[in-house]
Amino acid sequence: MSVTVITLLKRREGMSKPDFVAYYEANHRVIGEQVLRGYATRYVRRFLFPSDGVDSEHDPDVLTEITFPDEATRAACFAAMADPAIMALIVADEDKLFDRSRIKTFEVEERDSEL
């Protein structure tokens, strides 16, 4: 059974939303693809824009969705990411992009409705 992990991320202070999206897609996405390749089956970035047009300080800016074929593969990926060299690469880029104190990751338990 597949395992999906979502992460809510907030851009660093002083970075505009357009600059955030552009940097994420040009740089951080590439690192994510390199790290996830061979483990994840899906890596989606869902950039969030408030429906009321008001961008509040507490709102996340992106929701990432990463799907793995099973729990063992997810665990192997996270173990590989814990390698100091890989973690240093990820953290160095996150520091350019995110308020790292606000990163929150969840495992998803999904339920579908038939409509």
PDB file of N, CA and C in Angstrom:
ATOM      1  N   MET A   1       0.843  -1.176   0.000  1.00  0.00           N
ATOM      2  CA  MET A   1       0.000   0.000   0.000  1.00  0.00           C
ATOM      3  C   MET A   1       0.891   1.242   0.000  1.00  0.00           C
ATOM      4  N   SER A   2       0.587   2.199  -0.856  1.00  0.00           N
ATOM      5  CA  SER A   2       1.415   3.393  -0.968  1.00  0.00           C
ATOM      6  C   SER A   2       1.318   4.255   0.293  1.00  0.00           C
ATOM      7  N   VAL A   3       2.346   5.072   0.494  1.00  0.00           N
ATOM      8  CA  VAL A   3       2.426   5.987   1.627  1.00  0.00           C
ATOM      9  C   VAL A   3       2.638   7.386   1.076  1.00  0.00           C
ATOM     10  N   THR A   4       1.805   8.320   1.518  1.00  0.00           N
ATOM     11  CA  THR A   4       1.942   9.707   1.090  1.00  0.00           C
ATOM     12  C   THR A   4       2.329  10.560   2.281  1.00  0.00           C
ATOM     13  N   VAL A   5       3.292  11.442   2.042  1.00  0.00           N
ATOM     14  CA  VAL A   5       3.763  12.387   3.050  1.00  0.00           C
ATOM     15  C   VAL A   5       3.511  13.784   2.507  1.00  0.00           C
ATOM     16  N   ILE A   6       2.882  14.633   3.320  1.00  0.00           N
ATOM     17  CA  ILE A   6       2.708  16.022   2.924  1.00  0.00           C
ATOM     18  C   ILE A   6       3.487  16.904   3.896  1.00  0.00           C
ATOM     19  N   THR A   7       3.980  18.008   3.371  1.00  0.00           N
ATOM     20  CA  THR A   7       4.701  18.978   4.190  1.00  0.00           C
ATOM     21  C   THR A   7       4.168  20.366   3.874  1.00  0.00           C
ATOM     22  N   LEU A   8       3.893  21.131   4.933  1.00  0.00           N
ATOM     23  CA  LEU A   8       3.473  22.519   4.805  1.00  0.00           C
ATOM     24  C   LEU A   8       4.700  23.392   5.045  1.00  0.00           C
ATOM     25  N   LEU A   9       4.941  24.329   4.136  1.00  0.00           N
ATOM     26  CA  LEU A   9       6.145  25.156   4.200  1.00  0.00           C
ATOM     27  C   LEU A   9       5.793  26.624   4.042  1.00  0.00           C
ATOM     28  N   LYS A  10       6.495  27.465   4.772  1.00  0.00           N
ATOM     29  CA  LYS A  10       6.336  28.916   4.724  1.00  0.00           C
ATOM     30  C   LYS A  10       7.610  29.527   4.169  1.00  0.00           C
ATOM     31  N   ARG A  11       7.474  30.472   3.252  1.00  0.00           N
ATOM     32  CA  ARG A  11       8.649  31.134   2.688  1.00  0.00           C
ATOM     33  C   ARG A  11       9.332  31.977   3.764  1.00  0.00           C
ATOM     34  N   ARG A  12      10.631  32.194   3.559  1.00  0.00           N
ATOM     35  CA  ARG A  12      11.383  32.999   4.532  1.00  0.00           C
ATOM     36  C   ARG A  12      10.912  34.445   4.471  1.00  0.00           C
ATOM     37  N   GLU A  13      11.081  35.129   5.565  1.00  0.00           N
ATOM     38  CA  GLU A  13      10.680  36.528   5.664  1.00  0.00           C
ATOM     39  C   GLU A  13      11.442  37.362   4.640  1.00  0.00           C
ATOM     40  N   GLY A  14      10.719  38.283   4.006  1.00  0.00           N
ATOM     41  CA  GLY A  14      11.328  39.177   3.037  1.00  0.00           C
ATOM     42  C   GLY A  14      11.321  38.662   1.612  1.00  0.00           C
ATOM     43  N   MET A  15      10.871  37.427   1.403  1.00  0.00           N
ATOM     44  CA  MET A  15      10.830  36.860   0.054  1.00  0.00           C
ATOM     45  C   MET A  15       9.403  36.978  -0.485  1.00  0.00           C
ATOM     46  N   SER A  16       9.263  37.520  -1.688  1.00  0.00           N
ATOM     47  CA  SER A  16       7.930  37.636  -2.284  1.00  0.00           C
ATOM     48  C   SER A  16       7.436  36.261  -2.723  1.00  0.00           C
ATOM     49  N   LYS A  17       6.139  36.139  -2.863  1.00  0.00           N
ATOM     50  CA  LYS A  17       5.550  34.871  -3.315  1.00  0.00           C
ATOM     51  C   LYS A  17       6.042  34.504  -4.715  1.00  0.00           C
ATOM     52  N   PRO A  18       6.060  35.452  -5.685  1.00  0.00           N
ATOM     53  CA  PRO A  18       6.565  35.087  -7.018  1.00  0.00           C
ATOM     54  C   PRO A  18       8.035  34.641  -6.986  1.00  0.00           C
ATOM     55  N   ASP A  19       8.861  35.311  -6.193  1.00  0.00           N
ATOM     56  CA  ASP A  19      10.265  34.900  -6.079  1.00  0.00           C
ATOM     57  C   ASP A  19      10.384  33.528  -5.426  1.00  0.00           C
ATOM     58  N   PHE A  20       9.529  33.277  -4.440  1.00  0.00           N
ATOM     59  CA  PHE A  20       9.506  31.985  -3.753  1.00  0.00           C
ATOM     60  C   PHE A  20       9.189  30.850  -4.732  1.00  0.00           C
ATOM     61  N   VAL A  21       8.120  31.023  -5.494  1.00  0.00           N
ATOM     62  CA  VAL A  21       7.707  29.995  -6.457  1.00  0.00           C
ATOM     63  C   VAL A  21       8.803  29.770  -7.496  1.00  0.00           C
ATOM     64  N   ALA A  22       9.358  30.864  -8.004  1.00  0.00           N
ATOM     65  CA  ALA A  22      10.392  30.756  -9.043  1.00  0.00           C
ATOM     66  C   ALA A  22      11.633  30.042  -8.504  1.00  0.00           C
ATOM     67  N   TYR A  23      12.074  30.393  -7.308  1.00  0.00           N
ATOM     68  CA  TYR A  23      13.262  29.750  -6.747  1.00  0.00           C
ATOM     69  C   TYR A  23      12.988  28.275  -6.462  1.00  0.00           C
ATOM     70  N   TYR A  24      11.823  28.001  -5.890  1.00  0.00           N
ATOM     71  CA  TYR A  24      11.477  26.606  -5.572  1.00  0.00           C
ATOM     72  C   TYR A  24      11.539  25.750  -6.837  1.00  0.00           C
ATOM     73  N   GLU A  25      10.890  26.200  -7.884  1.00  0.00           N
ATOM     74  CA  GLU A  25      10.815  25.404  -9.107  1.00  0.00           C
ATOM     75  C   GLU A  25      12.154  25.301  -9.831  1.00  0.00           C
ATOM     76  N   ALA A  26      12.975  26.341  -9.762  1.00  0.00           N
ATOM     77  CA  ALA A  26      14.262  26.325 -10.469  1.00  0.00           C
ATOM     78  C   ALA A  26      15.364  25.620  -9.683  1.00  0.00           C
ATOM     79  N   ASN A  27      15.258  25.607  -8.360  1.00  0.00           N
ATOM     80  CA  ASN A  27      16.358  25.095  -7.538  1.00  0.00           C
ATOM     81  C   ASN A  27      15.958  23.982  -6.583  1.00  0.00           C
ATOM     82  N   HIS A  28      15.059  24.289  -5.647  1.00  0.00           N
ATOM     83  CA  HIS A  28      14.749  23.303  -4.607  1.00  0.00           C
ATOM     84  C   HIS A  28      14.076  22.054  -5.184  1.00  0.00           C
ATOM     85  N   ARG A  29      13.244  22.249  -6.181  1.00  0.00           N
ATOM     86  CA  ARG A  29      12.589  21.106  -6.847  1.00  0.00           C
ATOM     87  C   ARG A  29      13.629  20.138  -7.396  1.00  0.00           C
ATOM     88  N   VAL A  30      14.684  20.673  -7.977  1.00  0.00           N
ATOM     89  CA  VAL A  30      15.729  19.836  -8.580  1.00  0.00           C
ATOM     90  C   VAL A  30      16.418  18.998  -7.507  1.00  0.00           C
ATOM     91  N   ILE A  31      16.712  19.608  -6.360  1.00  0.00           N
ATOM     92  CA  ILE A  31      17.307  18.857  -5.253  1.00  0.00           C
ATOM     93  C   ILE A  31      16.339  17.767  -4.798  1.00  0.00           C
ATOM     94  N   GLY A  32      15.065  18.127  -4.668  1.00  0.00           N
ATOM     95  CA  GLY A  32      14.060  17.141  -4.268  1.00  0.00           C
ATOM     96  C   GLY A  32      14.001  15.968  -5.225  1.00  0.00           C
ATOM     97  N   GLU A  33      14.013  16.264  -6.498  1.00  0.00           N
ATOM     98  CA  GLU A  33      13.965  15.188  -7.495  1.00  0.00           C
ATOM     99  C   GLU A  33      15.194  14.287  -7.387  1.00  0.00           C
ATOM    100  N   GLN A  34      16.362  14.877  -7.172  1.00  0.00           N
ATOM    101  CA  GLN A  34      17.588  14.078  -7.039  1.00  0.00           C
ATOM    102  C   GLN A  34      17.514  13.160  -5.823  1.00  0.00           C
ATOM    103  N   VAL A  35      17.047  13.704  -4.709  1.00  0.00           N
ATOM    104  CA  VAL A  35      16.998  12.940  -3.456  1.00  0.00           C
ATOM    105  C   VAL A  35      15.901  11.869  -3.496  1.00  0.00           C
ATOM    106  N   LEU A  36      14.789  12.183  -4.127  1.00  0.00           N
ATOM    107  CA  LEU A  36      13.634  11.281  -4.135  1.00  0.00           C
ATOM    108  C   LEU A  36      13.691  10.223  -5.233  1.00  0.00           C
ATOM    109  N   ARG A  37      14.484  10.477  -6.279  1.00  0.00           N
ATOM    110  CA  ARG A  37      14.548   9.551  -7.417  1.00  0.00           C
ATOM    111  C   ARG A  37      14.944   8.150  -6.941  1.00  0.00           C
ATOM    112  N   GLY A  38      14.202   7.170  -7.381  1.00  0.00           N
ATOM    113  CA  GLY A  38      14.462   5.792  -6.983  1.00  0.00           C
ATOM    114  C   GLY A  38      13.670   5.368  -5.754  1.00  0.00           C
ATOM    115  N   TYR A  39      13.062   6.338  -5.074  1.00  0.00           N
ATOM    116  CA  TYR A  39      12.246   6.050  -3.882  1.00  0.00           C
ATOM    117  C   TYR A  39      10.786   6.442  -4.110  1.00  0.00           C
ATOM    118  N   ALA A  40      10.554   7.700  -4.408  1.00  0.00           N
ATOM    119  CA  ALA A  40       9.190   8.217  -4.526  1.00  0.00           C
ATOM    120  C   ALA A  40       8.619   7.928  -5.913  1.00  0.00           C
ATOM    121  N   THR A  41       7.318   7.779  -5.962  1.00  0.00           N
ATOM    122  CA  THR A  41       6.621   7.602  -7.237  1.00  0.00           C
ATOM    123  C   THR A  41       5.948   8.894  -7.691  1.00  0.00           C
ATOM    124  N   ARG A  42       5.871   9.879  -6.772  1.00  0.00           N
ATOM    125  CA  ARG A  42       5.207  11.145  -7.104  1.00  0.00           C
ATOM    126  C   ARG A  42       5.749  12.241  -6.202  1.00  0.00           C
ATOM    127  N   TYR A  43       6.022  13.404  -6.785  1.00  0.00           N
ATOM    128  CA  TYR A  43       6.488  14.576  -6.037  1.00  0.00           C
ATOM    129  C   TYR A  43       5.758  15.780  -6.608  1.00  0.00           C
ATOM    130  N   VAL A  44       4.820  16.320  -5.831  1.00  0.00           N
ATOM    131  CA  VAL A  44       3.958  17.409  -6.283  1.00  0.00           C
ATOM    132  C   VAL A  44       4.138  18.595  -5.351  1.00  0.00           C
ATOM    133  N   ARG A  45       4.212  19.792  -5.948  1.00  0.00           N
ATOM    134  CA  ARG A  45       4.223  21.021  -5.183  1.00  0.00           C
ATOM    135  C   ARG A  45       2.910  21.730  -5.438  1.00  0.00           C
ATOM    136  N   ARG A  46       2.195  22.036  -4.372  1.00  0.00           N
ATOM    137  CA  ARG A  46       0.917  22.741  -4.477  1.00  0.00           C
ATOM    138  C   ARG A  46       1.098  24.121  -3.827  1.00  0.00           C
ATOM    139  N   PHE A  47       1.351  25.131  -4.660  1.00  0.00           N
ATOM    140  CA  PHE A  47       1.545  26.484  -4.156  1.00  0.00           C
ATOM    141  C   PHE A  47       0.190  27.047  -3.759  1.00  0.00           C
ATOM    142  N   LEU A  48       0.135  27.643  -2.581  1.00  0.00           N
ATOM    143  CA  LEU A  48      -1.125  28.052  -1.971  1.00  0.00           C
ATOM    144  C   LEU A  48      -1.326  29.559  -2.078  1.00  0.00           C
ATOM    145  N   PHE A  49      -2.505  29.939  -2.566  1.00  0.00           N
ATOM    146  CA  PHE A  49      -2.884  31.336  -2.718  1.00  0.00           C
ATOM    147  C   PHE A  49      -4.245  31.502  -2.041  1.00  0.00           C
ATOM    148  N   PRO A  50      -4.321  32.274  -0.959  1.00  0.00           N
ATOM    149  CA  PRO A  50      -5.577  32.403  -0.209  1.00  0.00           C
ATOM    150  C   PRO A  50      -6.744  32.835  -1.100  1.00  0.00           C
ATOM    151  N   SER A  51      -7.866  32.180  -0.926  1.00  0.00           N
ATOM    152  CA  SER A  51      -9.057  32.474  -1.730  1.00  0.00           C
ATOM    153  C   SER A  51      -9.534  33.902  -1.548  1.00  0.00           C
ATOM    154  N   ASP A  52      -9.320  34.458  -0.350  1.00  0.00           N
ATOM    155  CA  ASP A  52      -9.771  35.828  -0.108  1.00  0.00           C
ATOM    156  C   ASP A  52      -8.741  36.866  -0.550  1.00  0.00           C
ATOM    157  N   GLY A  53      -7.610  36.401  -1.090  1.00  0.00           N
ATOM    158  CA  GLY A  53      -6.581  37.306  -1.577  1.00  0.00           C
ATOM    159  C   GLY A  53      -5.704  37.909  -0.499  1.00  0.00           C
ATOM    160  N   VAL A  54      -5.953  37.546   0.764  1.00  0.00           N
ATOM    161  CA  VAL A  54      -5.189  38.092   1.886  1.00  0.00           C
ATOM    162  C   VAL A  54      -4.134  37.074   2.302  1.00  0.00           C
ATOM    163  N   ASP A  55      -2.882  37.434   2.101  1.00  0.00           N
ATOM    164  CA  ASP A  55      -1.770  36.550   2.436  1.00  0.00           C
ATOM    165  C   ASP A  55      -1.359  36.816   3.881  1.00  0.00           C
ATOM    166  N   SER A  56      -1.803  35.958   4.800  1.00  0.00           N
ATOM    167  CA  SER A  56      -1.525  36.142   6.222  1.00  0.00           C
ATOM    168  C   SER A  56      -0.184  35.535   6.601  1.00  0.00           C
ATOM    169  N   GLU A  57       0.407  36.112   7.612  1.00  0.00           N
ATOM    170  CA  GLU A  57       1.723  35.677   8.095  1.00  0.00           C
ATOM    171  C   GLU A  57       1.740  34.197   8.488  1.00  0.00           C
ATOM    172  N   HIS A  58       0.626  33.695   9.014  1.00  0.00           N
ATOM    173  CA  HIS A  58       0.580  32.308   9.485  1.00  0.00           C
ATOM    174  C   HIS A  58       0.265  31.291   8.381  1.00  0.00           C
ATOM    175  N   ASP A  59      -0.106  31.753   7.196  1.00  0.00           N
ATOM    176  CA  ASP A  59      -0.472  30.838   6.114  1.00  0.00           C
ATOM    177  C   ASP A  59       0.752  30.161   5.515  1.00  0.00           C
ATOM    178  N   PRO A  60       0.691  28.858   5.264  1.00  0.00           N
ATOM    179  CA  PRO A  60       1.780  28.212   4.512  1.00  0.00           C
ATOM    180  C   PRO A  60       1.733  28.668   3.055  1.00  0.00           C
ATOM    181  N   ASP A  61       2.864  28.569   2.382  1.00  0.00           N
ATOM    182  CA  ASP A  61       2.962  28.996   0.988  1.00  0.00           C
ATOM    183  C   ASP A  61       2.943  27.834   0.007  1.00  0.00           C
ATOM    184  N   VAL A  62       3.300  26.654   0.475  1.00  0.00           N
ATOM    185  CA  VAL A  62       3.299  25.487  -0.402  1.00  0.00           C
ATOM    186  C   VAL A  62       3.029  24.234   0.422  1.00  0.00           C
ATOM    187  N   LEU A  63       2.330  23.329  -0.187  1.00  0.00           N
ATOM    188  CA  LEU A  63       2.112  22.004   0.358  1.00  0.00           C
ATOM    189  C   LEU A  63       2.798  21.045  -0.597  1.00  0.00           C
ATOM    190  N   THR A  64       3.768  20.283  -0.095  1.00  0.00           N
ATOM    191  CA  THR A  64       4.380  19.281  -0.953  1.00  0.00           C
ATOM    192  C   THR A  64       3.736  17.938  -0.665  1.00  0.00           C
ATOM    193  N   GLU A  65       3.616  17.145  -1.697  1.00  0.00           N
ATOM    194  CA  GLU A  65       3.019  15.815  -1.590  1.00  0.00           C
ATOM    195  C   GLU A  65       3.983  14.832  -2.238  1.00  0.00           C
ATOM    196  N   ILE A  66       4.457  13.887  -1.420  1.00  0.00           N
ATOM    197  CA  ILE A  66       5.403  12.876  -1.914  1.00  0.00           C
ATOM    198  C   ILE A  66       4.798  11.514  -1.638  1.00  0.00           C
ATOM    199  N   THR A  67       4.709  10.698  -2.674  1.00  0.00           N
ATOM    200  CA  THR A  67       4.132   9.369  -2.538  1.00  0.00           C
ATOM    201  C   THR A  67       5.212   8.321  -2.766  1.00  0.00           C
ATOM    202  N   PHE A  68       5.227   7.344  -1.870  1.00  0.00           N
ATOM    203  CA  PHE A  68       6.154   6.212  -1.927  1.00  0.00           C
ATOM    204  C   PHE A  68       5.346   4.945  -2.149  1.00  0.00           C
ATOM    205  N   PRO A  69       5.941   3.928  -2.780  1.00  0.00           N
ATOM    206  CA  PRO A  69       5.178   2.706  -3.036  1.00  0.00           C
ATOM    207  C   PRO A  69       4.782   1.961  -1.766  1.00  0.00           C
ATOM    208  N   ASP A  70       5.552   2.134  -0.686  1.00  0.00           N
ATOM    209  CA  ASP A  70       5.251   1.440   0.567  1.00  0.00           C
ATOM    210  C   ASP A  70       6.054   2.071   1.706  1.00  0.00           C
ATOM    211  N   GLU A  71       5.770   1.645   2.921  1.00  0.00           N
ATOM    212  CA  GLU A  71       6.422   2.197   4.103  1.00  0.00           C
ATOM    213  C   GLU A  71       7.921   1.907   4.118  1.00  0.00           C
ATOM    214  N   ALA A  72       8.324   0.740   3.684  1.00  0.00           N
ATOM    215  CA  ALA A  72       9.750   0.398   3.676  1.00  0.00           C
ATOM    216  C   ALA A  72      10.544   1.338   2.761  1.00  0.00           C
ATOM    217  N   THR A  73       9.971   1.680   1.623  1.00  0.00           N
ATOM    218  CA  THR A  73      10.643   2.590   0.698  1.00  0.00           C
ATOM    219  C   THR A  73      10.692   3.996   1.271  1.00  0.00           C
ATOM    220  N   ARG A  74       9.614   4.435   1.920  1.00  0.00           N
ATOM    221  CA  ARG A  74       9.628   5.745   2.579  1.00  0.00           C
ATOM    222  C   ARG A  74      10.723   5.785   3.641  1.00  0.00           C
ATOM    223  N   ALA A  75      10.797   4.754   4.461  1.00  0.00           N
ATOM    224  CA  ALA A  75      11.809   4.692   5.522  1.00  0.00           C
ATOM    225  C   ALA A  75      13.222   4.689   4.942  1.00  0.00           C
ATOM    226  N   ALA A  76      13.425   3.970   3.856  1.00  0.00           N
ATOM    227  CA  ALA A  76      14.745   3.931   3.212  1.00  0.00           C
ATOM    228  C   ALA A  76      15.114   5.311   2.666  1.00  0.00           C
ATOM    229  N   CYS A  77      14.156   6.014   2.090  1.00  0.00           N
ATOM    230  CA  CYS A  77      14.405   7.357   1.565  1.00  0.00           C
ATOM    231  C   CYS A  77      14.775   8.308   2.688  1.00  0.00           C
ATOM    232  N   PHE A  78      14.008   8.302   3.776  1.00  0.00           N
ATOM    233  CA  PHE A  78      14.297   9.198   4.889  1.00  0.00           C
ATOM    234  C   PHE A  78      15.639   8.860   5.524  1.00  0.00           C
ATOM    235  N   ALA A  79      15.995   7.582   5.566  1.00  0.00           N
ATOM    236  CA  ALA A  79      17.305   7.190   6.087  1.00  0.00           C
ATOM    237  C   ALA A  79      18.420   7.716   5.189  1.00  0.00           C
ATOM    238  N   ALA A  80      18.223   7.618   3.878  1.00  0.00           N
ATOM    239  CA  ALA A  80      19.223   8.129   2.935  1.00  0.00           C
ATOM    240  C   ALA A  80      19.348   9.645   3.067  1.00  0.00           C
ATOM    241  N   MET A  81      18.239  10.332   3.281  1.00  0.00           N
ATOM    242  CA  MET A  81      18.262  11.785   3.432  1.00  0.00           C
ATOM    243  C   MET A  81      18.978  12.213   4.711  1.00  0.00           C
ATOM    244  N   ALA A  82      19.076  11.329   5.683  1.00  0.00           N
ATOM    245  CA  ALA A  82      19.752  11.645   6.938  1.00  0.00           C
ATOM    246  C   ALA A  82      21.274  11.632   6.794  1.00  0.00           C
ATOM    247  N   ASP A  83      21.780  11.135   5.665  1.00  0.00           N
ATOM    248  CA  ASP A  83      23.222  11.189   5.414  1.00  0.00           C
ATOM    249  C   ASP A  83      23.671  12.645   5.555  1.00  0.00           C
ATOM    250  N   PRO A  84      24.741  12.907   6.315  1.00  0.00           N
ATOM    251  CA  PRO A  84      25.156  14.296   6.560  1.00  0.00           C
ATOM    252  C   PRO A  84      25.380  15.128   5.295  1.00  0.00           C
ATOM    253  N   ALA A  85      25.937  14.554   4.259  1.00  0.00           N
ATOM    254  CA  ALA A  85      26.180  15.309   3.025  1.00  0.00           C
ATOM    255  C   ALA A  85      24.870  15.689   2.346  1.00  0.00           C
ATOM    256  N   ILE A  86      23.930  14.757   2.308  1.00  0.00           N
ATOM    257  CA  ILE A  86      22.629  15.035   1.686  1.00  0.00           C
ATOM    258  C   ILE A  86      21.857  16.037   2.533  1.00  0.00           C
ATOM    259  N   MET A  87      21.867  15.841   3.843  1.00  0.00           N
ATOM    260  CA  MET A  87      21.142  16.752   4.726  1.00  0.00           C
ATOM    261  C   MET A  87      21.717  18.165   4.635  1.00  0.00           C
ATOM    262  N   ALA A  88      23.029  18.289   4.541  1.00  0.00           N
ATOM    263  CA  ALA A  88      23.658  19.613   4.421  1.00  0.00           C
ATOM    264  C   ALA A  88      23.209  20.308   3.135  1.00  0.00           C
ATOM    265  N   LEU A  89      23.108  19.560   2.039  1.00  0.00           N
ATOM    266  CA  LEU A  89      22.642  20.113   0.767  1.00  0.00           C
ATOM    267  C   LEU A  89      21.207  20.614   0.889  1.00  0.00           C
ATOM    268  N   ILE A  90      20.350  19.807   1.498  1.00  0.00           N
ATOM    269  CA  ILE A  90      18.944  20.166   1.662  1.00  0.00           C
ATOM    270  C   ILE A  90      18.809  21.397   2.557  1.00  0.00           C
ATOM    271  N   VAL A  91      19.465  21.369   3.718  1.00  0.00           N
ATOM    272  CA  VAL A  91      19.336  22.467   4.679  1.00  0.00           C
ATOM    273  C   VAL A  91      19.875  23.777   4.114  1.00  0.00           C
ATOM    274  N   ALA A  92      21.002  23.720   3.419  1.00  0.00           N
ATOM    275  CA  ALA A  92      21.575  24.939   2.834  1.00  0.00           C
ATOM    276  C   ALA A  92      20.592  25.590   1.875  1.00  0.00           C
ATOM    277  N   ASP A  93      19.886  24.786   1.083  1.00  0.00           N
ATOM    278  CA  ASP A  93      18.924  25.355   0.156  1.00  0.00           C
ATOM    279  C   ASP A  93      17.654  25.789   0.888  1.00  0.00           C
ATOM    280  N   GLU A  94      17.214  25.024   1.868  1.00  0.00           N
ATOM    281  CA  GLU A  94      16.036  25.420   2.646  1.00  0.00           C
ATOM    282  C   GLU A  94      16.253  26.770   3.312  1.00  0.00           C
ATOM    283  N   ASP A  95      17.469  27.040   3.787  1.00  0.00           N
ATOM    284  CA  ASP A  95      17.759  28.315   4.443  1.00  0.00           C
ATOM    285  C   ASP A  95      17.561  29.496   3.491  1.00  0.00           C
ATOM    286  N   LYS A  96      17.721  29.280   2.202  1.00  0.00           N
ATOM    287  CA  LYS A  96      17.534  30.335   1.204  1.00  0.00           C
ATOM    288  C   LYS A  96      16.054  30.567   0.900  1.00  0.00           C
ATOM    289  N   LEU A  97      15.211  29.621   1.274  1.00  0.00           N
ATOM    290  CA  LEU A  97      13.837  29.580   0.786  1.00  0.00           C
ATOM    291  C   LEU A  97      12.779  29.628   1.882  1.00  0.00           C
ATOM    292  N   PHE A  98      12.958  28.861   2.942  1.00  0.00           N
ATOM    293  CA  PHE A  98      11.897  28.645   3.934  1.00  0.00           C
ATOM    294  C   PHE A  98      12.198  29.278   5.283  1.00  0.00           C
ATOM    295  N   ASP A  99      11.139  29.511   6.035  1.00  0.00           N
ATOM    296  CA  ASP A  99      11.232  29.724   7.473  1.00  0.00           C
ATOM    297  C   ASP A  99      11.252  28.313   8.053  1.00  0.00           C
ATOM    298  N   ARG A 100      12.449  27.791   8.316  1.00  0.00           N
ATOM    299  CA  ARG A 100      12.596  26.383   8.694  1.00  0.00           C
ATOM    300  C   ARG A 100      11.914  26.059  10.017  1.00  0.00           C
ATOM    301  N   SER A 101      11.667  27.065  10.857  1.00  0.00           N
ATOM    302  CA  SER A 101      10.991  26.814  12.129  1.00  0.00           C
ATOM    303  C   SER A 101       9.515  26.467  11.921  1.00  0.00           C
ATOM    304  N   ARG A 102       9.004  26.704  10.725  1.00  0.00           N
ATOM    305  CA  ARG A 102       7.588  26.481  10.437  1.00  0.00           C
ATOM    306  C   ARG A 102       7.318  25.233   9.598  1.00  0.00           C
ATOM    307  N   ILE A 103       8.341  24.455   9.295  1.00  0.00           N
ATOM    308  CA  ILE A 103       8.143  23.252   8.479  1.00  0.00           C
ATOM    309  C   ILE A 103       7.389  22.207   9.304  1.00  0.00           C
ATOM    310  N   LYS A 104       6.333  21.672   8.728  1.00  0.00           N
ATOM    311  CA  LYS A 104       5.518  20.653   9.408  1.00  0.00           C
ATOM    312  C   LYS A 104       5.189  19.545   8.414  1.00  0.00           C
ATOM    313  N   THR A 105       5.535  18.310   8.771  1.00  0.00           N
ATOM    314  CA  THR A 105       5.346  17.157   7.884  1.00  0.00           C
ATOM    315  C   THR A 105       4.342  16.188   8.502  1.00  0.00           C
ATOM    316  N   PHE A 106       3.512  15.599   7.634  1.00  0.00           N
ATOM    317  CA  PHE A 106       2.461  14.670   8.059  1.00  0.00           C
ATOM    318  C   PHE A 106       2.458  13.449   7.148  1.00  0.00           C
ATOM    319  N   GLU A 107       2.125  12.295   7.708  1.00  0.00           N
ATOM    320  CA  GLU A 107       1.777  11.133   6.882  1.00  0.00           C
ATOM    321  C   GLU A 107       0.272  11.178   6.681  1.00  0.00           C
ATOM    322  N   VAL A 108      -0.166  10.846   5.481  1.00  0.00           N
ATOM    323  CA  VAL A 108      -1.563  10.971   5.101  1.00  0.00           C
ATOM    324  C   VAL A 108      -2.263   9.623   5.185  1.00  0.00           C
ATOM    325  N   GLU A 109      -3.430   9.627   5.783  1.00  0.00           N
ATOM    326  CA  GLU A 109      -4.338   8.478   5.740  1.00  0.00           C
ATOM    327  C   GLU A 109      -5.539   8.954   4.947  1.00  0.00           C
ATOM    328  N   GLU A 110      -5.713   8.437   3.772  1.00  0.00           N
ATOM    329  CA  GLU A 110      -6.681   8.971   2.820  1.00  0.00           C
ATOM    330  C   GLU A 110      -7.990   8.192   2.836  1.00  0.00           C
ATOM    331  N   ARG A 111      -9.090   8.932   2.660  1.00  0.00           N
ATOM    332  CA  ARG A 111     -10.429   8.344   2.512  1.00  0.00           C
ATOM    333  C   ARG A 111     -11.075   9.007   1.292  1.00  0.00           C
ATOM    334  N   ASP A 112     -11.628   8.239   0.394  1.00  0.00           N
ATOM    335  CA  ASP A 112     -12.311   8.769  -0.785  1.00  0.00           C
ATOM    336  C   ASP A 112     -13.821   8.666  -0.618  1.00  0.00           C
ATOM    337  N   SER A 113     -14.493   9.623  -1.199  1.00  0.00           N
ATOM    338  CA  SER A 113     -15.949   9.594  -1.278  1.00  0.00           C
ATOM    339  C   SER A 113     -16.336   9.356  -2.727  1.00  0.00           C
ATOM    340  N   GLU A 114     -17.357   8.569  -2.918  1.00  0.00           N
ATOM    341  CA  GLU A 114     -17.918   8.397  -4.258  1.00  0.00           C
ATOM    342  C   GLU A 114     -18.967   9.471  -4.455  1.00  0.00           C
ATOM    343  N   LEU A 115     -18.787  10.282  -5.479  1.00  0.00           N
ATOM    344  CA  LEU A 115     -19.725  11.387  -5.705  1.00  0.00           C
ATOM    345  C   LEU A 115     -20.498  11.187  -6.990  1.00  0.00           C
TER     346      LEU A 115
END
